[in-house]
Amino acid sequence: MEARDLIHPNLPEAVWRKSTHSGNNGGNCVEVASNVPGVVAVRDSKNPTGPALRFTPDEWRTFLTNIKSGQTP
């Protein structure tokens, strides 16, 4: 998969949420939308109109598993 395949500029149907682990300091947070069929989208909370990274649900689960176990891509 190419990096350009991950970037999705417009997801009007997405319902975005922040992690419960995010602080309220307006800092470095990401938002996730998982209500779009077959897509998990991630965006920078400081740039909500910017592009979002697009993952399949399996890719997203693998990513989270790797992060939780200390592995980095």
PDB file of N, CA and C in Angstrom:
ATOM      1  N   MET A   1       0.844  -1.174   0.000  1.00  0.00           N
ATOM      2  CA  MET A   1       0.000   0.000   0.000  1.00  0.00           C
ATOM      3  C   MET A   1       0.889   1.236   0.000  1.00  0.00           C
ATOM      4  N   GLU A   2       0.552   2.164  -0.851  1.00  0.00           N
ATOM      5  CA  GLU A   2       1.270   3.427  -0.947  1.00  0.00           C
ATOM      6  C   GLU A   2       0.712   4.420   0.072  1.00  0.00           C
ATOM      7  N   ALA A   3       1.555   5.356   0.488  1.00  0.00           N
ATOM      8  CA  ALA A   3       1.112   6.363   1.458  1.00  0.00           C
ATOM      9  C   ALA A   3      -0.095   7.133   0.935  1.00  0.00           C
ATOM     10  N   ARG A   4      -0.128   7.411  -0.367  1.00  0.00           N
ATOM     11  CA  ARG A   4      -1.265   8.173  -0.913  1.00  0.00           C
ATOM     12  C   ARG A   4      -2.585   7.419  -0.764  1.00  0.00           C
ATOM     13  N   ASP A   5      -2.522   6.084  -0.658  1.00  0.00           N
ATOM     14  CA  ASP A   5      -3.730   5.289  -0.470  1.00  0.00           C
ATOM     15  C   ASP A   5      -4.304   5.445   0.932  1.00  0.00           C
ATOM     16  N   LEU A   6      -3.489   5.881   1.865  1.00  0.00           N
ATOM     17  CA  LEU A   6      -3.934   6.047   3.245  1.00  0.00           C
ATOM     18  C   LEU A   6      -4.645   7.370   3.481  1.00  0.00           C
ATOM     19  N   ILE A   7      -4.358   8.354   2.651  1.00  0.00           N
ATOM     20  CA  ILE A   7      -4.863   9.701   2.902  1.00  0.00           C
ATOM     21  C   ILE A   7      -6.217   9.884   2.235  1.00  0.00           C
ATOM     22  N   HIS A   8      -7.170  10.277   3.030  1.00  0.00           N
ATOM     23  CA  HIS A   8      -8.530  10.496   2.533  1.00  0.00           C
ATOM     24  C   HIS A   8      -8.922  11.920   2.890  1.00  0.00           C
ATOM     25  N   PRO A   9      -9.072  12.804   1.895  1.00  0.00           N
ATOM     26  CA  PRO A   9      -9.286  14.214   2.198  1.00  0.00           C
ATOM     27  C   PRO A   9     -10.680  14.575   2.692  1.00  0.00           C
ATOM     28  N   ASN A  10     -11.682  13.729   2.443  1.00  0.00           N
ATOM     29  CA  ASN A  10     -13.038  14.153   2.752  1.00  0.00           C
ATOM     30  C   ASN A  10     -13.866  12.958   3.223  1.00  0.00           C
ATOM     31  N   LEU A  11     -14.309  13.009   4.448  1.00  0.00           N
ATOM     32  CA  LEU A  11     -15.169  11.963   5.012  1.00  0.00           C
ATOM     33  C   LEU A  11     -16.360  12.637   5.692  1.00  0.00           C
ATOM     34  N   PRO A  12     -17.289  13.194   4.906  1.00  0.00           N
ATOM     35  CA  PRO A  12     -18.382  13.967   5.513  1.00  0.00           C
ATOM     36  C   PRO A  12     -19.293  13.149   6.416  1.00  0.00           C
ATOM     37  N   GLU A  13     -19.363  11.843   6.201  1.00  0.00           N
ATOM     38  CA  GLU A  13     -20.246  11.006   7.010  1.00  0.00           C
ATOM     39  C   GLU A  13     -19.599  10.533   8.311  1.00  0.00           C
ATOM     40  N   ALA A  14     -18.322  10.828   8.477  1.00  0.00           N
ATOM     41  CA  ALA A  14     -17.590  10.354   9.658  1.00  0.00           C
ATOM     42  C   ALA A  14     -18.051  11.057  10.934  1.00  0.00           C
ATOM     43  N   VAL A  15     -18.179  10.277  11.996  1.00  0.00           N
ATOM     44  CA  VAL A  15     -18.456  10.803  13.331  1.00  0.00           C
ATOM     45  C   VAL A  15     -17.165  10.623  14.119  1.00  0.00           C
ATOM     46  N   TRP A  16     -16.542  11.731  14.475  1.00  0.00           N
ATOM     47  CA  TRP A  16     -15.211  11.717  15.082  1.00  0.00           C
ATOM     48  C   TRP A  16     -15.295  11.698  16.600  1.00  0.00           C
ATOM     49  N   ARG A  17     -14.329  11.013  17.226  1.00  0.00           N
ATOM     50  CA  ARG A  17     -14.234  10.977  18.693  1.00  0.00           C
ATOM     51  C   ARG A  17     -12.767  10.970  19.092  1.00  0.00           C
ATOM     52  N   LYS A  18     -12.513  11.528  20.265  1.00  0.00           N
ATOM     53  CA  LYS A  18     -11.164  11.496  20.835  1.00  0.00           C
ATOM     54  C   LYS A  18     -11.067  10.338  21.810  1.00  0.00           C
ATOM     55  N   SER A  19      -9.871   9.875  22.010  1.00  0.00           N
ATOM     56  CA  SER A  19      -9.630   8.824  22.987  1.00  0.00           C
ATOM     57  C   SER A  19      -9.976   9.323  24.382  1.00  0.00           C
ATOM     58  N   THR A  20     -10.442   8.423  25.210  1.00  0.00           N
ATOM     59  CA  THR A  20     -10.685   8.778  26.610  1.00  0.00           C
ATOM     60  C   THR A  20      -9.371   9.046  27.332  1.00  0.00           C
ATOM     61  N   HIS A  21      -8.254   8.652  26.731  1.00  0.00           N
ATOM     62  CA  HIS A  21      -6.936   8.902  27.311  1.00  0.00           C
ATOM     63  C   HIS A  21      -6.405  10.281  26.951  1.00  0.00           C
ATOM     64  N   SER A  22      -7.082  10.995  26.057  1.00  0.00           N
ATOM     65  CA  SER A  22      -6.652  12.333  25.665  1.00  0.00           C
ATOM     66  C   SER A  22      -6.971  13.313  26.780  1.00  0.00           C
ATOM     67  N   GLY A  23      -6.075  14.233  26.984  1.00  0.00           N
ATOM     68  CA  GLY A  23      -6.302  15.259  27.987  1.00  0.00           C
ATOM     69  C   GLY A  23      -7.161  16.379  27.428  1.00  0.00           C
ATOM     70  N   ASN A  24      -7.540  17.293  28.268  1.00  0.00           N
ATOM     71  CA  ASN A  24      -8.335  18.444  27.853  1.00  0.00           C
ATOM     72  C   ASN A  24      -7.481  19.674  27.609  1.00  0.00           C
ATOM     73  N   ASN A  25      -6.172  19.477  27.453  1.00  0.00           N
ATOM     74  CA  ASN A  25      -5.266  20.608  27.310  1.00  0.00           C
ATOM     75  C   ASN A  25      -5.156  21.101  25.875  1.00  0.00           C
ATOM     76  N   GLY A  26      -5.907  20.512  24.940  1.00  0.00           N
ATOM     77  CA  GLY A  26      -5.861  20.954  23.552  1.00  0.00           C
ATOM     78  C   GLY A  26      -4.559  20.606  22.868  1.00  0.00           C
ATOM     79  N   GLY A  27      -3.854  19.651  23.392  1.00  0.00           N
ATOM     80  CA  GLY A  27      -2.540  19.299  22.877  1.00  0.00           C
ATOM     81  C   GLY A  27      -2.569  18.359  21.703  1.00  0.00           C
ATOM     82  N   ASN A  28      -1.647  17.433  21.733  1.00  0.00           N
ATOM     83  CA  ASN A  28      -1.450  16.513  20.623  1.00  0.00           C
ATOM     84  C   ASN A  28      -2.409  15.339  20.709  1.00  0.00           C
ATOM     85  N   CYS A  29      -3.571  15.497  20.117  1.00  0.00           N
ATOM     86  CA  CYS A  29      -4.583  14.442  20.141  1.00  0.00           C
ATOM     87  C   CYS A  29      -4.913  14.018  18.722  1.00  0.00           C
ATOM     88  N   VAL A  30      -5.354  12.799  18.611  1.00  0.00           N
ATOM     89  CA  VAL A  30      -5.915  12.341  17.344  1.00  0.00           C
ATOM     90  C   VAL A  30      -7.380  12.023  17.573  1.00  0.00           C
ATOM     91  N   GLU A  31      -8.134  12.090  16.509  1.00  0.00           N
ATOM     92  CA  GLU A  31      -9.536  11.716  16.541  1.00  0.00           C
ATOM     93  C   GLU A  31      -9.727  10.528  15.609  1.00  0.00           C
ATOM     94  N   VAL A  32     -10.644   9.655  15.982  1.00  0.00           N
ATOM     95  CA  VAL A  32     -10.902   8.439  15.223  1.00  0.00           C
ATOM     96  C   VAL A  32     -12.378   8.400  14.843  1.00  0.00           C
ATOM     97  N   ALA A  33     -12.638   7.956  13.628  1.00  0.00           N
ATOM     98  CA  ALA A  33     -14.011   7.716  13.173  1.00  0.00           C
ATOM     99  C   ALA A  33     -14.089   6.273  12.699  1.00  0.00           C
ATOM    100  N   SER A  34     -14.984   5.517  13.307  1.00  0.00           N
ATOM    101  CA  SER A  34     -15.125   4.108  12.925  1.00  0.00           C
ATOM    102  C   SER A  34     -16.542   3.777  12.477  1.00  0.00           C
ATOM    103  N   ASN A  35     -17.334   4.793  12.181  1.00  0.00           N
ATOM    104  CA  ASN A  35     -18.720   4.557  11.771  1.00  0.00           C
ATOM    105  C   ASN A  35     -18.888   4.400  10.258  1.00  0.00           C
ATOM    106  N   VAL A  36     -17.841   4.610   9.485  1.00  0.00           N
ATOM    107  CA  VAL A  36     -17.904   4.472   8.033  1.00  0.00           C
ATOM    108  C   VAL A  36     -17.633   3.009   7.684  1.00  0.00           C
ATOM    109  N   PRO A  37     -18.519   2.342   6.968  1.00  0.00           N
ATOM    110  CA  PRO A  37     -18.337   0.912   6.684  1.00  0.00           C
ATOM    111  C   PRO A  37     -16.995   0.604   6.015  1.00  0.00           C
ATOM    112  N   GLY A  38     -16.246  -0.325   6.631  1.00  0.00           N
ATOM    113  CA  GLY A  38     -14.980  -0.777   6.079  1.00  0.00           C
ATOM    114  C   GLY A  38     -13.818   0.168   6.248  1.00  0.00           C
ATOM    115  N   VAL A  39     -14.014   1.254   7.000  1.00  0.00           N
ATOM    116  CA  VAL A  39     -12.972   2.275   7.146  1.00  0.00           C
ATOM    117  C   VAL A  39     -12.838   2.679   8.607  1.00  0.00           C
ATOM    118  N   VAL A  40     -11.599   2.812   9.058  1.00  0.00           N
ATOM    119  CA  VAL A  40     -11.301   3.490  10.320  1.00  0.00           C
ATOM    120  C   VAL A  40     -10.426   4.671   9.926  1.00  0.00           C
ATOM    121  N   ALA A  41     -10.895   5.864  10.200  1.00  0.00           N
ATOM    122  CA  ALA A  41     -10.174   7.072   9.815  1.00  0.00           C
ATOM    123  C   ALA A  41      -9.582   7.733  11.050  1.00  0.00           C
ATOM    124  N   VAL A  42      -8.411   8.330  10.874  1.00  0.00           N
ATOM    125  CA  VAL A  42      -7.701   8.991  11.967  1.00  0.00           C
ATOM    126  C   VAL A  42      -7.262  10.360  11.461  1.00  0.00           C
ATOM    127  N   ARG A  43      -7.483  11.386  12.287  1.00  0.00           N
ATOM    128  CA  ARG A  43      -7.056  12.729  11.898  1.00  0.00           C
ATOM    129  C   ARG A  43      -6.469  13.468  13.091  1.00  0.00           C
ATOM    130  N   ASP A  44      -5.774  14.531  12.796  1.00  0.00           N
ATOM    131  CA  ASP A  44      -5.187  15.404  13.808  1.00  0.00           C
ATOM    132  C   ASP A  44      -6.289  16.306  14.356  1.00  0.00           C
ATOM    133  N   SER A  45      -6.489  16.291  15.654  1.00  0.00           N
ATOM    134  CA  SER A  45      -7.561  17.099  16.247  1.00  0.00           C
ATOM    135  C   SER A  45      -7.326  18.596  16.069  1.00  0.00           C
ATOM    136  N   LYS A  46      -6.080  19.000  15.853  1.00  0.00           N
ATOM    137  CA  LYS A  46      -5.786  20.413  15.647  1.00  0.00           C
ATOM    138  C   LYS A  46      -6.092  20.863  14.217  1.00  0.00           C
ATOM    139  N   ASN A  47      -6.346  19.902  13.324  1.00  0.00           N
ATOM    140  CA  ASN A  47      -6.626  20.217  11.930  1.00  0.00           C
ATOM    141  C   ASN A  47      -7.823  19.392  11.445  1.00  0.00           C
ATOM    142  N   PRO A  48      -9.001  19.642  11.996  1.00  0.00           N
ATOM    143  CA  PRO A  48     -10.155  18.800  11.678  1.00  0.00           C
ATOM    144  C   PRO A  48     -10.611  18.878  10.225  1.00  0.00           C
ATOM    145  N   THR A  49     -10.232  19.906   9.501  1.00  0.00           N
ATOM    146  CA  THR A  49     -10.604  19.985   8.090  1.00  0.00           C
ATOM    147  C   THR A  49      -9.508  19.450   7.179  1.00  0.00           C
ATOM    148  N   GLY A  50      -8.412  19.003   7.768  1.00  0.00           N
ATOM    149  CA  GLY A  50      -7.313  18.449   6.986  1.00  0.00           C
ATOM    150  C   GLY A  50      -7.561  17.004   6.610  1.00  0.00           C
ATOM    151  N   PRO A  51      -6.588  16.385   5.965  1.00  0.00           N
ATOM    152  CA  PRO A  51      -6.751  14.995   5.534  1.00  0.00           C
ATOM    153  C   PRO A  51      -6.765  14.030   6.708  1.00  0.00           C
ATOM    154  N   ALA A  52      -7.333  12.879   6.465  1.00  0.00           N
ATOM    155  CA  ALA A  52      -7.380  11.812   7.466  1.00  0.00           C
ATOM    156  C   ALA A  52      -6.667  10.589   6.910  1.00  0.00           C
ATOM    157  N   LEU A  53      -6.048   9.833   7.794  1.00  0.00           N
ATOM    158  CA  LEU A  53      -5.493   8.547   7.396  1.00  0.00           C
ATOM    159  C   LEU A  53      -6.609   7.528   7.410  1.00  0.00           C
ATOM    160  N   ARG A  54      -6.631   6.676   6.404  1.00  0.00           N
ATOM    161  CA  ARG A  54      -7.699   5.691   6.259  1.00  0.00           C
ATOM    162  C   ARG A  54      -7.110   4.293   6.406  1.00  0.00           C
ATOM    163  N   PHE A  55      -7.699   3.495   7.296  1.00  0.00           N
ATOM    164  CA  PHE A  55      -7.280   2.120   7.538  1.00  0.00           C
ATOM    165  C   PHE A  55      -8.480   1.196   7.360  1.00  0.00           C
ATOM    166  N   THR A  56      -8.220  -0.060   7.042  1.00  0.00           N
ATOM    167  CA  THR A  56      -9.278  -1.062   7.142  1.00  0.00           C
ATOM    168  C   THR A  56      -9.387  -1.418   8.620  1.00  0.00           C
ATOM    169  N   PRO A  57     -10.493  -1.992   9.055  1.00  0.00           N
ATOM    170  CA  PRO A  57     -10.586  -2.399  10.464  1.00  0.00           C
ATOM    171  C   PRO A  57      -9.460  -3.354  10.879  1.00  0.00           C
ATOM    172  N   ASP A  58      -9.067  -4.287  10.010  1.00  0.00           N
ATOM    173  CA  ASP A  58      -7.968  -5.202  10.343  1.00  0.00           C
ATOM    174  C   ASP A  58      -6.642  -4.465  10.484  1.00  0.00           C
ATOM    175  N   GLU A  59      -6.373  -3.518   9.590  1.00  0.00           N
ATOM    176  CA  GLU A  59      -5.142  -2.726   9.686  1.00  0.00           C
ATOM    177  C   GLU A  59      -5.123  -1.925  10.985  1.00  0.00           C
ATOM    178  N   TRP A  60      -6.261  -1.364  11.352  1.00  0.00           N
ATOM    179  CA  TRP A  60      -6.356  -0.567  12.579  1.00  0.00           C
ATOM    180  C   TRP A  60      -6.106  -1.429  13.813  1.00  0.00           C
ATOM    181  N   ARG A  61      -6.700  -2.627  13.855  1.00  0.00           N
ATOM    182  CA  ARG A  61      -6.472  -3.536  14.987  1.00  0.00           C
ATOM    183  C   ARG A  61      -4.995  -3.914  15.087  1.00  0.00           C
ATOM    184  N   THR A  62      -4.368  -4.198  13.952  1.00  0.00           N
ATOM    185  CA  THR A  62      -2.945  -4.537  13.943  1.00  0.00           C
ATOM    186  C   THR A  62      -2.112  -3.363  14.444  1.00  0.00           C
ATOM    187  N   PHE A  63      -2.433  -2.166  13.981  1.00  0.00           N
ATOM    188  CA  PHE A  63      -1.728  -0.965  14.419  1.00  0.00           C
ATOM    189  C   PHE A  63      -1.831  -0.794  15.933  1.00  0.00           C
ATOM    190  N   LEU A  64      -3.044  -0.894  16.479  1.00  0.00           N
ATOM    191  CA  LEU A  64      -3.230  -0.741  17.925  1.00  0.00           C
ATOM    192  C   LEU A  64      -2.512  -1.831  18.707  1.00  0.00           C
ATOM    193  N   THR A  65      -2.569  -3.060  18.228  1.00  0.00           N
ATOM    194  CA  THR A  65      -1.874  -4.166  18.889  1.00  0.00           C
ATOM    195  C   THR A  65      -0.381  -3.893  18.941  1.00  0.00           C
ATOM    196  N   ASN A  66       0.181  -3.428  17.828  1.00  0.00           N
ATOM    197  CA  ASN A  66       1.615  -3.137  17.785  1.00  0.00           C
ATOM    198  C   ASN A  66       1.989  -1.988  18.714  1.00  0.00           C
ATOM    199  N   ILE A  67       1.182  -0.956  18.755  1.00  0.00           N
ATOM    200  CA  ILE A  67       1.458   0.179  19.648  1.00  0.00           C
ATOM    201  C   ILE A  67       1.406  -0.270  21.105  1.00  0.00           C
ATOM    202  N   LYS A  68       0.391  -1.034  21.461  1.00  0.00           N
ATOM    203  CA  LYS A  68       0.240  -1.497  22.846  1.00  0.00           C
ATOM    204  C   LYS A  68       1.381  -2.402  23.275  1.00  0.00           C
ATOM    205  N   SER A  69       1.963  -3.139  22.327  1.00  0.00           N
ATOM    206  CA  SER A  69       3.064  -4.047  22.672  1.00  0.00           C
ATOM    207  C   SER A  69       4.428  -3.380  22.527  1.00  0.00           C
ATOM    208  N   GLY A  70       4.441  -2.093  22.177  1.00  0.00           N
ATOM    209  CA  GLY A  70       5.695  -1.360  22.079  1.00  0.00           C
ATOM    210  C   GLY A  70       6.379  -1.469  20.735  1.00  0.00           C
ATOM    211  N   GLN A  71       5.751  -2.109  19.776  1.00  0.00           N
ATOM    212  CA  GLN A  71       6.323  -2.213  18.438  1.00  0.00           C
ATOM    213  C   GLN A  71       5.979  -0.960  17.651  1.00  0.00           C
ATOM    214  N   THR A  72       6.901  -0.550  16.812  1.00  0.00           N
ATOM    215  CA  THR A  72       6.636   0.578  15.930  1.00  0.00           C
ATOM    216  C   THR A  72       6.856   0.133  14.496  1.00  0.00           C
ATOM    217  N   PRO A  73       6.090   0.699  13.584  1.00  0.00           N
ATOM    218  CA  PRO A  73       6.231   0.299  12.171  1.00  0.00           C
ATOM    219  C   PRO A  73       7.551   0.722  11.582  1.00  0.00           C
TER     220      PRO A  73
END
